[in-house]
Amino acid sequence: MNAADELLDVVDENDEVTGQARRGEVYARGLIHRCTFILVRDAQGRVFVHRRTPTKLVFPSRYDLFVGGVVGAGESYDDAALREAEEELGVSGLDRPRPLFRFLYEGEGGRWWSAVYEVRCALPVRPQVEEVAWHAFLTDEELTARLGEWEWVPDGLAAYQRLLAYRATGRPSL
């Protein structure tokens, strides 16, 4: 199926479902929908970082420090997080990602409810070639050094800033 044809739940500012629409229409009309963001660490605690393929509908060729994606119509955040993590990493049998918090992203590209997760992946990864053009596991220090150098997806940066605040205070920043 073409990604633009995928059916998504449309939600309101309170994350309540108001209808359904195809992904292409959701993006074109700027409708609020649901997404997952999963921070993946390997057995050594390094973060999975990747560059998106140039064919992605949103933020092509930019770097991302989360795997994830849209939540399908009728799908739960938790199920979408596991599905997206396994698909993008090219693994099966991954532990269920641990939910951390949700926030309404409002910025470049539109608005969507964002559920942030984390998971440890000790399995060898084989990233999905349709989604991932390049990947590596970086230490926190290496990641921090690249934040000012590479062009990152803005929603991922927003999620990461909230994740840092969450770790420091127990709640995401607003």
Protein backbone atom coordinates (compact mmCIF):
# COMPACT_ATOMS: atom_id res chain seq x y z
CA MET A 1 0.00 0.00 0.00
CA ASN A 2 1.15 3.54 -0.72
CA ALA A 3 1.88 5.38 2.56
CA ALA A 4 -0.42 8.25 1.52
CA ASP A 5 -3.34 5.78 1.37
CA GLU A 6 -2.92 4.49 4.95
CA LEU A 7 -6.04 5.12 7.05
CA LEU A 8 -5.45 7.15 10.24
CA ASP A 9 -7.58 8.27 13.15
CA VAL A 10 -8.11 12.03 13.17
CA VAL A 11 -8.10 13.44 16.71
CA ASP A 12 -8.76 16.76 18.44
CA GLU A 13 -6.64 18.85 20.82
CA ASN A 14 -7.60 16.44 23.64
CA ASP A 15 -6.50 13.35 21.65
CA GLU A 16 -10.11 12.20 21.19
CA VAL A 17 -10.94 10.49 17.88
CA THR A 18 -13.17 12.66 15.67
CA GLY A 19 -12.98 10.64 12.44
CA GLN A 20 -10.70 8.90 10.00
CA ALA A 21 -8.88 9.97 6.85
CA ARG A 22 -6.13 8.75 4.55
CA ARG A 23 -2.60 9.86 5.51
CA GLY A 24 -2.22 12.00 2.37
CA GLU A 25 -5.41 13.90 3.21
CA VAL A 26 -4.40 14.23 6.88
CA TYR A 27 -1.10 15.83 5.85
CA ALA A 28 -2.63 18.01 3.11
CA ARG A 29 -5.36 19.38 5.40
CA GLY A 30 -3.18 19.65 8.51
CA LEU A 31 -5.42 17.37 10.57
CA ILE A 32 -4.30 16.27 14.02
CA HIS A 33 -3.40 12.58 14.18
CA ARG A 34 -1.30 10.26 16.36
CA CYS A 35 2.39 9.31 16.18
CA THR A 36 4.86 7.28 18.21
CA PHE A 37 8.48 8.13 19.04
CA ILE A 38 10.66 5.31 20.38
CA LEU A 39 14.15 5.97 21.71
CA VAL A 40 16.14 2.80 21.10
CA ARG A 41 19.28 1.95 23.04
CA ASP A 42 21.54 -1.01 22.35
CA ALA A 43 23.04 -3.33 25.00
CA GLN A 44 25.83 -0.77 25.61
CA GLY A 45 23.32 2.06 26.15
CA ARG A 46 24.01 3.83 22.86
CA VAL A 47 21.15 5.56 21.01
CA PHE A 48 19.99 4.40 17.57
CA VAL A 49 20.23 7.38 15.20
CA HIS A 50 19.31 7.35 11.54
CA ARG A 51 18.82 9.49 8.45
CA ARG A 52 15.43 9.17 6.82
CA THR A 53 15.17 8.20 3.17
CA PRO A 54 14.51 10.95 0.59
CA THR A 55 11.17 9.29 -0.26
CA LYS A 56 9.59 9.90 3.17
CA LEU A 57 6.39 11.99 3.06
CA VAL A 58 7.47 14.09 6.05
CA PHE A 59 11.00 15.42 6.75
CA PRO A 60 12.80 13.45 4.00
CA SER A 61 16.58 12.99 4.32
CA ARG A 62 16.72 14.47 7.83
CA TYR A 63 18.29 12.80 10.83
CA ASP A 64 16.17 11.31 13.60
CA LEU A 65 17.00 9.97 17.05
CA PHE A 66 13.71 8.11 17.37
CA VAL A 67 12.12 5.33 15.38
CA GLY A 68 8.36 5.38 15.09
CA GLY A 69 5.62 6.75 12.94
CA VAL A 70 1.92 7.23 12.59
CA VAL A 71 -0.64 5.25 14.55
CA GLY A 72 -3.04 3.47 12.21
CA ALA A 73 -6.82 3.80 12.44
CA GLY A 74 -8.07 1.83 15.44
CA GLU A 75 -4.53 0.99 16.57
CA SER A 76 -3.32 1.73 20.10
CA TYR A 77 -0.22 3.82 20.76
CA ASP A 78 1.42 0.80 22.45
CA ASP A 79 0.76 -1.54 19.52
CA ALA A 80 1.95 1.08 17.03
CA ALA A 81 5.15 1.65 19.04
CA LEU A 82 6.06 -2.04 18.95
CA ARG A 83 5.10 -2.42 15.28
CA GLU A 84 7.01 0.68 14.18
CA ALA A 85 10.12 -0.18 16.23
CA GLU A 86 10.28 -3.71 14.84
CA GLU A 87 9.63 -2.54 11.26
CA GLU A 88 12.18 0.26 11.26
CA LEU A 89 14.86 -1.72 13.09
CA GLY A 90 14.20 -4.85 11.04
CA VAL A 91 13.85 -7.09 14.09
CA SER A 92 11.21 -9.36 15.59
CA GLY A 93 10.70 -10.34 19.19
CA LEU A 94 11.55 -6.90 20.56
CA ASP A 95 10.38 -6.20 24.10
CA ARG A 96 7.37 -3.90 24.26
CA PRO A 97 8.59 -0.28 24.35
CA ARG A 98 8.01 1.41 27.70
CA PRO A 99 5.63 4.40 27.51
CA LEU A 100 6.96 7.62 29.03
CA PHE A 101 4.63 10.53 28.16
CA ARG A 102 2.51 12.17 25.45
CA PHE A 103 2.44 15.69 24.08
CA LEU A 104 0.80 17.63 21.29
CA TYR A 105 3.50 18.56 18.77
CA GLU A 106 2.77 21.86 17.04
CA GLY A 107 5.45 23.01 14.65
CA GLU A 108 7.02 22.49 11.27
CA GLY A 109 4.99 19.93 9.36
CA GLY A 110 1.77 20.29 11.34
CA ARG A 111 0.24 19.06 14.59
CA TRP A 112 0.07 15.54 16.00
CA TRP A 113 -0.23 13.79 19.30
CA SER A 114 3.12 12.24 20.11
CA ALA A 115 3.59 9.27 22.43
CA VAL A 116 7.21 8.90 23.56
CA TYR A 117 8.64 5.48 24.46
CA GLU A 118 11.97 3.85 25.12
CA VAL A 119 13.23 0.33 24.51
CA ARG A 120 16.47 -1.62 24.75
CA CYS A 121 17.39 -3.63 21.64
CA ALA A 122 20.12 -6.23 22.04
CA LEU A 123 19.17 -7.83 18.71
CA PRO A 124 21.18 -7.18 15.53
CA VAL A 125 19.32 -4.48 13.58
CA ARG A 126 18.57 -4.59 9.86
CA PRO A 127 16.84 -1.24 9.30
CA GLN A 128 14.06 -1.05 6.77
CA VAL A 129 15.62 0.31 3.56
CA GLU A 130 12.42 2.16 2.61
CA GLU A 131 12.61 4.13 5.86
CA VAL A 132 16.29 4.34 6.84
CA ALA A 133 19.07 5.62 4.53
CA TRP A 134 21.86 5.47 7.17
CA HIS A 135 22.08 4.44 10.82
CA ALA A 136 24.45 4.11 13.77
CA PHE A 137 24.35 3.68 17.53
CA LEU A 138 25.81 6.79 19.18
CA THR A 139 26.81 7.46 22.77
CA ASP A 140 24.96 10.27 24.52
CA GLU A 141 28.07 12.44 24.09
CA GLU A 142 28.30 11.70 20.36
CA LEU A 143 24.59 12.43 19.97
CA THR A 144 24.87 15.74 21.83
CA ALA A 145 27.79 16.77 19.59
CA ARG A 146 25.73 16.06 16.45
CA LEU A 147 22.64 17.96 17.58
CA GLY A 148 24.10 21.25 16.37
CA GLU A 149 25.70 19.81 13.25
CA TRP A 150 23.06 17.71 11.47
CA GLU A 151 19.63 18.65 10.14
CA TRP A 152 17.19 16.87 12.46
CA VAL A 153 13.47 16.24 12.21
CA PRO A 154 11.83 19.02 14.27
CA ASP A 155 9.26 16.79 15.96
CA GLY A 156 12.04 14.45 17.10
CA LEU A 157 13.98 17.37 18.54
CA ALA A 158 10.85 18.53 20.37
CA ALA A 159 10.33 15.02 21.75
CA TYR A 160 13.99 14.79 22.79
CA GLN A 161 13.88 18.14 24.62
CA ARG A 162 10.79 16.95 26.49
CA LEU A 163 12.49 13.62 27.21
CA LEU A 164 15.49 15.40 28.77
CA ALA A 165 13.12 17.48 30.92
CA TYR A 166 11.19 14.34 31.86
CA ARG A 167 14.38 12.63 33.02
CA ALA A 168 15.44 15.70 35.02
CA THR A 169 12.09 16.48 36.65
CA GLY A 170 9.80 13.48 36.17
CA ARG A 171 7.55 15.40 33.77
CA PRO A 172 7.96 16.61 30.19
CA SER A 173 8.37 20.31 29.53
CA LEU A 174 5.49 22.12 27.90
